[in-house]
Amino acid sequence: MRGTFEASVILLDDLWDGEFRQFVTGEYAAAIPARDMLAFCDSSSADGIAELQRIIERVQPTGGHLLTKTIYVRRDSKWQRRAV
């Protein structure tokens, strides 16, 4: 992606259903604070969720091509806003 469209990977179901499955045992949680960033963890990991929030907070004040401050959870092959 060359640092431009990493966030768009969130749309590739095959990666979440296959390749990335080795890293998460439950549901995914993901952050896409800017177009060149995507971070994810197991949604049941308090440390992982805290790190996603830190990433968002670090990028949002001065980052370029900002997208969202929302953390999303993948349920039934669909991304939803994470309930706070």
PDB file of N, CA and C in Angstrom:
ATOM      1  N   MET A   1       0.818  -1.189   0.000  1.00  0.00           N
ATOM      2  CA  MET A   1       0.000   0.000   0.000  1.00  0.00           C
ATOM      3  C   MET A   1       0.868   1.261   0.000  1.00  0.00           C
ATOM      4  N   ARG A   2       2.101   1.103   0.330  1.00  0.00           N
ATOM      5  CA  ARG A   2       3.073   2.208   0.292  1.00  0.00           C
ATOM      6  C   ARG A   2       2.691   3.385   1.180  1.00  0.00           C
ATOM      7  N   GLY A   3       2.053   3.087   2.301  1.00  0.00           N
ATOM      8  CA  GLY A   3       1.738   4.142   3.250  1.00  0.00           C
ATOM      9  C   GLY A   3       0.630   5.073   2.822  1.00  0.00           C
ATOM     10  N   THR A   4      -0.261   4.618   1.958  1.00  0.00           N
ATOM     11  CA  THR A   4      -1.314   5.501   1.482  1.00  0.00           C
ATOM     12  C   THR A   4      -2.713   5.011   1.839  1.00  0.00           C
ATOM     13  N   PHE A   5      -3.002   3.750   1.617  1.00  0.00           N
ATOM     14  CA  PHE A   5      -4.366   3.271   1.774  1.00  0.00           C
ATOM     15  C   PHE A   5      -4.481   2.055   2.689  1.00  0.00           C
ATOM     16  N   GLU A   6      -3.652   1.964   3.710  1.00  0.00           N
ATOM     17  CA  GLU A   6      -3.713   0.826   4.621  1.00  0.00           C
ATOM     18  C   GLU A   6      -5.088   0.668   5.262  1.00  0.00           C
ATOM     19  N   ALA A   7      -5.757   1.772   5.547  1.00  0.00           N
ATOM     20  CA  ALA A   7      -7.078   1.701   6.179  1.00  0.00           C
ATOM     21  C   ALA A   7      -8.087   0.943   5.320  1.00  0.00           C
ATOM     22  N   SER A   8      -7.895   0.944   4.018  1.00  0.00           N
ATOM     23  CA  SER A   8      -8.842   0.258   3.137  1.00  0.00           C
ATOM     24  C   SER A   8      -8.811  -1.259   3.307  1.00  0.00           C
ATOM     25  N   VAL A   9      -7.786  -1.781   3.950  1.00  0.00           N
ATOM     26  CA  VAL A   9      -7.702  -3.223   4.215  1.00  0.00           C
ATOM     27  C   VAL A   9      -8.886  -3.677   5.067  1.00  0.00           C
ATOM     28  N   ILE A  10      -9.480  -2.771   5.796  1.00  0.00           N
ATOM     29  CA  ILE A  10     -10.635  -3.119   6.623  1.00  0.00           C
ATOM     30  C   ILE A  10     -11.781  -3.676   5.768  1.00  0.00           C
ATOM     31  N   LEU A  11     -11.773  -3.394   4.477  1.00  0.00           N
ATOM     32  CA  LEU A  11     -12.835  -3.844   3.572  1.00  0.00           C
ATOM     33  C   LEU A  11     -12.587  -5.216   2.958  1.00  0.00           C
ATOM     34  N   LEU A  12     -11.423  -5.807   3.202  1.00  0.00           N
ATOM     35  CA  LEU A  12     -11.051  -7.070   2.558  1.00  0.00           C
ATOM     36  C   LEU A  12     -11.408  -8.263   3.454  1.00  0.00           C
ATOM     37  N   ASP A  13     -12.606  -8.775   3.298  1.00  0.00           N
ATOM     38  CA  ASP A  13     -13.096  -9.864   4.144  1.00  0.00           C
ATOM     39  C   ASP A  13     -12.180 -11.076   4.148  1.00  0.00           C
ATOM     40  N   ASP A  14     -11.598 -11.414   3.022  1.00  0.00           N
ATOM     41  CA  ASP A  14     -10.733 -12.596   2.938  1.00  0.00           C
ATOM     42  C   ASP A  14      -9.558 -12.512   3.912  1.00  0.00           C
ATOM     43  N   LEU A  15      -9.008 -11.332   4.115  1.00  0.00           N
ATOM     44  CA  LEU A  15      -7.894 -11.182   5.055  1.00  0.00           C
ATOM     45  C   LEU A  15      -8.353 -11.405   6.490  1.00  0.00           C
ATOM     46  N   TRP A  16      -9.517 -10.851   6.839  1.00  0.00           N
ATOM     47  CA  TRP A  16     -10.021 -10.990   8.208  1.00  0.00           C
ATOM     48  C   TRP A  16     -10.477 -12.420   8.488  1.00  0.00           C
ATOM     49  N   ASP A  17     -11.051 -13.062   7.496  1.00  0.00           N
ATOM     50  CA  ASP A  17     -11.524 -14.435   7.673  1.00  0.00           C
ATOM     51  C   ASP A  17     -10.395 -15.455   7.588  1.00  0.00           C
ATOM     52  N   GLY A  18      -9.286 -15.080   6.964  1.00  0.00           N
ATOM     53  CA  GLY A  18      -8.193 -16.026   6.755  1.00  0.00           C
ATOM     54  C   GLY A  18      -6.881 -15.596   7.389  1.00  0.00           C
ATOM     55  N   GLU A  19      -6.131 -14.816   6.664  1.00  0.00           N
ATOM     56  CA  GLU A  19      -4.757 -14.448   7.035  1.00  0.00           C
ATOM     57  C   GLU A  19      -4.620 -13.865   8.442  1.00  0.00           C
ATOM     58  N   PHE A  20      -5.501 -12.952   8.814  1.00  0.00           N
ATOM     59  CA  PHE A  20      -5.381 -12.276  10.111  1.00  0.00           C
ATOM     60  C   PHE A  20      -5.920 -13.118  11.270  1.00  0.00           C
ATOM     61  N   ARG A  21      -6.665 -14.170  10.974  1.00  0.00           N
ATOM     62  CA  ARG A  21      -7.285 -14.985  12.016  1.00  0.00           C
ATOM     63  C   ARG A  21      -6.264 -15.543  12.997  1.00  0.00           C
ATOM     64  N   GLN A  22      -5.046 -15.777  12.558  1.00  0.00           N
ATOM     65  CA  GLN A  22      -4.010 -16.330  13.436  1.00  0.00           C
ATOM     66  C   GLN A  22      -3.646 -15.390  14.590  1.00  0.00           C
ATOM     67  N   PHE A  23      -3.974 -14.116  14.469  1.00  0.00           N
ATOM     68  CA  PHE A  23      -3.594 -13.137  15.479  1.00  0.00           C
ATOM     69  C   PHE A  23      -4.676 -12.857  16.513  1.00  0.00           C
ATOM     70  N   VAL A  24      -5.908 -13.275  16.242  1.00  0.00           N
ATOM     71  CA  VAL A  24      -7.043 -12.962  17.106  1.00  0.00           C
ATOM     72  C   VAL A  24      -7.895 -14.215  17.276  1.00  0.00           C
ATOM     73  N   THR A  25      -8.276 -14.517  18.512  1.00  0.00           N
ATOM     74  CA  THR A  25      -9.081 -15.711  18.748  1.00  0.00           C
ATOM     75  C   THR A  25     -10.576 -15.412  18.756  1.00  0.00           C
ATOM     76  N   GLY A  26     -10.959 -14.209  19.146  1.00  0.00           N
ATOM     77  CA  GLY A  26     -12.374 -13.838  19.197  1.00  0.00           C
ATOM     78  C   GLY A  26     -12.718 -12.866  18.091  1.00  0.00           C
ATOM     79  N   GLU A  27     -13.474 -11.851  18.468  1.00  0.00           N
ATOM     80  CA  GLU A  27     -13.843 -10.812  17.507  1.00  0.00           C
ATOM     81  C   GLU A  27     -12.699  -9.809  17.372  1.00  0.00           C
ATOM     82  N   TYR A  28     -12.604  -9.225  16.212  1.00  0.00           N
ATOM     83  CA  TYR A  28     -11.605  -8.191  15.967  1.00  0.00           C
ATOM     84  C   TYR A  28     -12.098  -6.842  16.487  1.00  0.00           C
ATOM     85  N   ALA A  29     -11.152  -6.038  16.943  1.00  0.00           N
ATOM     86  CA  ALA A  29     -11.370  -4.611  17.169  1.00  0.00           C
ATOM     87  C   ALA A  29     -10.332  -3.919  16.306  1.00  0.00           C
ATOM     88  N   ALA A  30     -10.723  -2.827  15.657  1.00  0.00           N
ATOM     89  CA  ALA A  30      -9.798  -2.150  14.748  1.00  0.00           C
ATOM     90  C   ALA A  30      -9.969  -0.641  14.819  1.00  0.00           C
ATOM     91  N   ALA A  31      -8.866   0.041  14.558  1.00  0.00           N
ATOM     92  CA  ALA A  31      -8.859   1.500  14.466  1.00  0.00           C
ATOM     93  C   ALA A  31      -8.276   1.896  13.122  1.00  0.00           C
ATOM     94  N   ILE A  32      -8.895   2.869  12.493  1.00  0.00           N
ATOM     95  CA  ILE A  32      -8.385   3.435  11.236  1.00  0.00           C
ATOM     96  C   ILE A  32      -8.385   4.966  11.379  1.00  0.00           C
ATOM     97  N   PRO A  33      -7.469   5.493  12.172  1.00  0.00           N
ATOM     98  CA  PRO A  33      -7.470   6.932  12.449  1.00  0.00           C
ATOM     99  C   PRO A  33      -7.076   7.794  11.250  1.00  0.00           C
ATOM    100  N   ALA A  34      -6.355   7.232  10.302  1.00  0.00           N
ATOM    101  CA  ALA A  34      -5.943   7.959   9.100  1.00  0.00           C
ATOM    102  C   ALA A  34      -5.863   6.964   7.953  1.00  0.00           C
ATOM    103  N   ARG A  35      -5.827   7.478   6.734  1.00  0.00           N
ATOM    104  CA  ARG A  35      -5.872   6.573   5.580  1.00  0.00           C
ATOM    105  C   ARG A  35      -4.670   5.642   5.493  1.00  0.00           C
ATOM    106  N   ASP A  36      -3.563   6.022   6.120  1.00  0.00           N
ATOM    107  CA  ASP A  36      -2.358   5.195   6.048  1.00  0.00           C
ATOM    108  C   ASP A  36      -2.146   4.351   7.297  1.00  0.00           C
ATOM    109  N   MET A  37      -3.187   4.184   8.111  1.00  0.00           N
ATOM    110  CA  MET A  37      -3.048   3.430   9.358  1.00  0.00           C
ATOM    111  C   MET A  37      -4.217   2.487   9.580  1.00  0.00           C
ATOM    112  N   LEU A  38      -3.881   1.285  10.023  1.00  0.00           N
ATOM    113  CA  LEU A  38      -4.871   0.324  10.476  1.00  0.00           C
ATOM    114  C   LEU A  38      -4.203  -0.480  11.580  1.00  0.00           C
ATOM    115  N   ALA A  39      -4.854  -0.543  12.721  1.00  0.00           N
ATOM    116  CA  ALA A  39      -4.349  -1.345  13.837  1.00  0.00           C
ATOM    117  C   ALA A  39      -5.509  -2.190  14.337  1.00  0.00           C
ATOM    118  N   PHE A  40      -5.207  -3.410  14.787  1.00  0.00           N
ATOM    119  CA  PHE A  40      -6.282  -4.260  15.284  1.00  0.00           C
ATOM    120  C   PHE A  40      -5.791  -5.130  16.419  1.00  0.00           C
ATOM    121  N   CYS A  41      -6.764  -5.677  17.154  1.00  0.00           N
ATOM    122  CA  CYS A  41      -6.479  -6.582  18.270  1.00  0.00           C
ATOM    123  C   CYS A  41      -7.723  -7.428  18.499  1.00  0.00           C
ATOM    124  N   ASP A  42      -7.628  -8.332  19.457  1.00  0.00           N
ATOM    125  CA  ASP A  42      -8.790  -9.093  19.893  1.00  0.00           C
ATOM    126  C   ASP A  42      -9.676  -8.146  20.704  1.00  0.00           C
ATOM    127  N   SER A  43     -10.944  -8.111  20.410  1.00  0.00           N
ATOM    128  CA  SER A  43     -11.837  -7.160  21.077  1.00  0.00           C
ATOM    129  C   SER A  43     -11.973  -7.420  22.575  1.00  0.00           C
ATOM    130  N   SER A  44     -11.591  -8.605  23.036  1.00  0.00           N
ATOM    131  CA  SER A  44     -11.674  -8.904  24.465  1.00  0.00           C
ATOM    132  C   SER A  44     -10.412  -8.491  25.223  1.00  0.00           C
ATOM    133  N   SER A  45      -9.415  -7.962  24.521  1.00  0.00           N
ATOM    134  CA  SER A  45      -8.166  -7.556  25.153  1.00  0.00           C
ATOM    135  C   SER A  45      -8.236  -6.100  25.619  1.00  0.00           C
ATOM    136  N   ALA A  46      -8.303  -5.903  26.934  1.00  0.00           N
ATOM    137  CA  ALA A  46      -8.328  -4.544  27.486  1.00  0.00           C
ATOM    138  C   ALA A  46      -7.059  -3.791  27.110  1.00  0.00           C
ATOM    139  N   ASP A  47      -5.912  -4.478  27.153  1.00  0.00           N
ATOM    140  CA  ASP A  47      -4.649  -3.832  26.765  1.00  0.00           C
ATOM    141  C   ASP A  47      -4.658  -3.455  25.287  1.00  0.00           C
ATOM    142  N   GLY A  48      -5.199  -4.336  24.452  1.00  0.00           N
ATOM    143  CA  GLY A  48      -5.276  -4.057  23.021  1.00  0.00           C
ATOM    144  C   GLY A  48      -6.171  -2.866  22.718  1.00  0.00           C
ATOM    145  N   ILE A  49      -7.332  -2.806  23.361  1.00  0.00           N
ATOM    146  CA  ILE A  49      -8.256  -1.682  23.162  1.00  0.00           C
ATOM    147  C   ILE A  49      -7.610  -0.389  23.634  1.00  0.00           C
ATOM    148  N   ALA A  50      -6.915  -0.444  24.775  1.00  0.00           N
ATOM    149  CA  ALA A  50      -6.233   0.750  25.276  1.00  0.00           C
ATOM    150  C   ALA A  50      -5.164   1.220  24.292  1.00  0.00           C
ATOM    151  N   GLU A  51      -4.449   0.285  23.674  1.00  0.00           N
ATOM    152  CA  GLU A  51      -3.426   0.654  22.689  1.00  0.00           C
ATOM    153  C   GLU A  51      -4.062   1.254  21.437  1.00  0.00           C
ATOM    154  N   LEU A  52      -5.183   0.713  20.981  1.00  0.00           N
ATOM    155  CA  LEU A  52      -5.886   1.310  19.844  1.00  0.00           C
ATOM    156  C   LEU A  52      -6.279   2.749  20.160  1.00  0.00           C
ATOM    157  N   GLN A  53      -6.773   2.975  21.380  1.00  0.00           N
ATOM    158  CA  GLN A  53      -7.159   4.330  21.782  1.00  0.00           C
ATOM    159  C   GLN A  53      -5.943   5.260  21.815  1.00  0.00           C
ATOM    160  N   ARG A  54      -4.811   4.767  22.299  1.00  0.00           N
ATOM    161  CA  ARG A  54      -3.582   5.588  22.315  1.00  0.00           C
ATOM    162  C   ARG A  54      -3.139   5.938  20.899  1.00  0.00           C
ATOM    163  N   ILE A  55      -3.249   4.993  19.995  1.00  0.00           N
ATOM    164  CA  ILE A  55      -2.888   5.250  18.594  1.00  0.00           C
ATOM    165  C   ILE A  55      -3.773   6.357  18.027  1.00  0.00           C
ATOM    166  N   ILE A  56      -5.063   6.252  18.256  1.00  0.00           N
ATOM    167  CA  ILE A  56      -6.002   7.270  17.777  1.00  0.00           C
ATOM    168  C   ILE A  56      -5.645   8.638  18.353  1.00  0.00           C
ATOM    169  N   GLU A  57      -5.424   8.694  19.647  1.00  0.00           N
ATOM    170  CA  GLU A  57      -5.115   9.964  20.310  1.00  0.00           C
ATOM    171  C   GLU A  57      -3.796  10.561  19.827  1.00  0.00           C
ATOM    172  N   ARG A  58      -2.855   9.715  19.491  1.00  0.00           N
ATOM    173  CA  ARG A  58      -1.553  10.183  19.011  1.00  0.00           C
ATOM    174  C   ARG A  58      -1.656  10.758  17.596  1.00  0.00           C
ATOM    175  N   VAL A  59      -2.480  10.156  16.755  1.00  0.00           N
ATOM    176  CA  VAL A  59      -2.579  10.545  15.348  1.00  0.00           C
ATOM    177  C   VAL A  59      -3.512  11.738  15.141  1.00  0.00           C
ATOM    178  N   GLN A  60      -4.626  11.769  15.832  1.00  0.00           N
ATOM    179  CA  GLN A  60      -5.681  12.746  15.550  1.00  0.00           C
ATOM    180  C   GLN A  60      -5.266  14.223  15.649  1.00  0.00           C
ATOM    181  N   PRO A  61      -4.483  14.641  16.618  1.00  0.00           N
ATOM    182  CA  PRO A  61      -4.225  16.090  16.699  1.00  0.00           C
ATOM    183  C   PRO A  61      -3.482  16.679  15.498  1.00  0.00           C
ATOM    184  N   THR A  62      -2.568  15.939  14.927  1.00  0.00           N
ATOM    185  CA  THR A  62      -1.715  16.528  13.891  1.00  0.00           C
ATOM    186  C   THR A  62      -1.601  15.685  12.629  1.00  0.00           C
ATOM    187  N   GLY A  63      -2.244  14.546  12.593  1.00  0.00           N
ATOM    188  CA  GLY A  63      -2.102  13.634  11.460  1.00  0.00           C
ATOM    189  C   GLY A  63      -2.718  14.171  10.179  1.00  0.00           C
ATOM    190  N   GLY A  64      -2.260  13.616   9.077  1.00  0.00           N
ATOM    191  CA  GLY A  64      -2.808  13.977   7.777  1.00  0.00           C
ATOM    192  C   GLY A  64      -3.793  12.928   7.297  1.00  0.00           C
ATOM    193  N   HIS A  65      -4.719  13.324   6.472  1.00  0.00           N
ATOM    194  CA  HIS A  65      -5.710  12.420   5.881  1.00  0.00           C
ATOM    195  C   HIS A  65      -6.451  11.628   6.956  1.00  0.00           C
ATOM    196  N   LEU A  66      -6.947  12.338   7.951  1.00  0.00           N
ATOM    197  CA  LEU A  66      -7.629  11.714   9.080  1.00  0.00           C
ATOM    198  C   LEU A  66      -8.958  11.103   8.652  1.00  0.00           C
ATOM    199  N   LEU A  67      -9.319  10.004   9.311  1.00  0.00           N
ATOM    200  CA  LEU A  67     -10.573   9.316   9.011  1.00  0.00           C
ATOM    201  C   LEU A  67     -11.539   9.344  10.189  1.00  0.00           C
ATOM    202  N   THR A  68     -11.218   8.618  11.263  1.00  0.00           N
ATOM    203  CA  THR A  68     -12.176   8.500  12.369  1.00  0.00           C
ATOM    204  C   THR A  68     -11.475   8.196  13.691  1.00  0.00           C
ATOM    205  N   LYS A  69     -12.109   8.615  14.772  1.00  0.00           N
ATOM    206  CA  LYS A  69     -11.630   8.324  16.127  1.00  0.00           C
ATOM    207  C   LYS A  69     -12.299   7.070  16.684  1.00  0.00           C
ATOM    208  N   THR A  70     -13.166   6.475  15.915  1.00  0.00           N
ATOM    209  CA  THR A  70     -13.961   5.328  16.352  1.00  0.00           C
ATOM    210  C   THR A  70     -13.160   4.029  16.315  1.00  0.00           C
ATOM    211  N   ILE A  71     -13.393   3.191  17.317  1.00  0.00           N
ATOM    212  CA  ILE A  71     -12.896   1.815  17.291  1.00  0.00           C
ATOM    213  C   ILE A  71     -14.067   0.954  16.827  1.00  0.00           C
ATOM    214  N   TYR A  72     -13.796   0.081  15.871  1.00  0.00           N
ATOM    215  CA  TYR A  72     -14.821  -0.789  15.305  1.00  0.00           C
ATOM    216  C   TYR A  72     -14.590  -2.234  15.746  1.00  0.00           C
ATOM    217  N   VAL A  73     -15.688  -2.988  15.838  1.00  0.00           N
ATOM    218  CA  VAL A  73     -15.637  -4.410  16.162  1.00  0.00           C
ATOM    219  C   VAL A  73     -16.271  -5.156  14.989  1.00  0.00           C
ATOM    220  N   ARG A  74     -15.656  -6.279  14.628  1.00  0.00           N
ATOM    221  CA  ARG A  74     -16.172  -7.074  13.504  1.00  0.00           C
ATOM    222  C   ARG A  74     -17.012  -8.231  14.039  1.00  0.00           C
ATOM    223  N   ARG A  75     -18.301  -8.174  13.739  1.00  0.00           N
ATOM    224  CA  ARG A  75     -19.244  -9.213  14.158  1.00  0.00           C
ATOM    225  C   ARG A  75     -20.010  -9.693  12.946  1.00  0.00           C
ATOM    226  N   ASP A  76     -20.066 -11.007  12.794  1.00  0.00           N
ATOM    227  CA  ASP A  76     -20.811 -11.599  11.673  1.00  0.00           C
ATOM    228  C   ASP A  76     -20.380 -10.983  10.342  1.00  0.00           C
ATOM    229  N   SER A  77     -19.075 -10.831  10.178  1.00  0.00           N
ATOM    230  CA  SER A  77     -18.472 -10.311   8.943  1.00  0.00           C
ATOM    231  C   SER A  77     -18.841  -8.862   8.636  1.00  0.00           C
ATOM    232  N   LYS A  78     -19.279  -8.122   9.647  1.00  0.00           N
ATOM    233  CA  LYS A  78     -19.616  -6.710   9.475  1.00  0.00           C
ATOM    234  C   LYS A  78     -18.925  -5.886  10.556  1.00  0.00           C
ATOM    235  N   TRP A  79     -18.455  -4.709  10.184  1.00  0.00           N
ATOM    236  CA  TRP A  79     -17.833  -3.800  11.137  1.00  0.00           C
ATOM    237  C   TRP A  79     -18.888  -2.896  11.760  1.00  0.00           C
ATOM    238  N   GLN A  80     -18.841  -2.801  13.100  1.00  0.00           N
ATOM    239  CA  GLN A  80     -19.777  -1.975  13.858  1.00  0.00           C
ATOM    240  C   GLN A  80     -18.993  -1.106  14.820  1.00  0.00           C
ATOM    241  N   ARG A  81     -19.558   0.040  15.154  1.00  0.00           N
ATOM    242  CA  ARG A  81     -18.935   0.886  16.190  1.00  0.00           C
ATOM    243  C   ARG A  81     -18.865   0.089  17.485  1.00  0.00           C
ATOM    244  N   ARG A  82     -17.735   0.194  18.148  1.00  0.00           N
ATOM    245  CA  ARG A  82     -17.584  -0.473  19.444  1.00  0.00           C
ATOM    246  C   ARG A  82     -18.366   0.294  20.482  1.00  0.00           C
ATOM    247  N   ALA A  83     -19.167  -0.413  21.254  1.00  0.00           N
ATOM    248  CA  ALA A  83     -19.896   0.224  22.357  1.00  0.00           C
ATOM    249  C   ALA A  83     -18.902   0.616  23.432  1.00  0.00           C
ATOM    250  N   VAL A  84     -19.047   1.805  23.931  1.00  0.00           N
ATOM    251  CA  VAL A  84     -18.107   2.305  24.949  1.00  0.00           C
ATOM    252  C   VAL A  84     -18.549   1.915  26.327  1.00  0.00           C
TER     253      VAL A  84
END
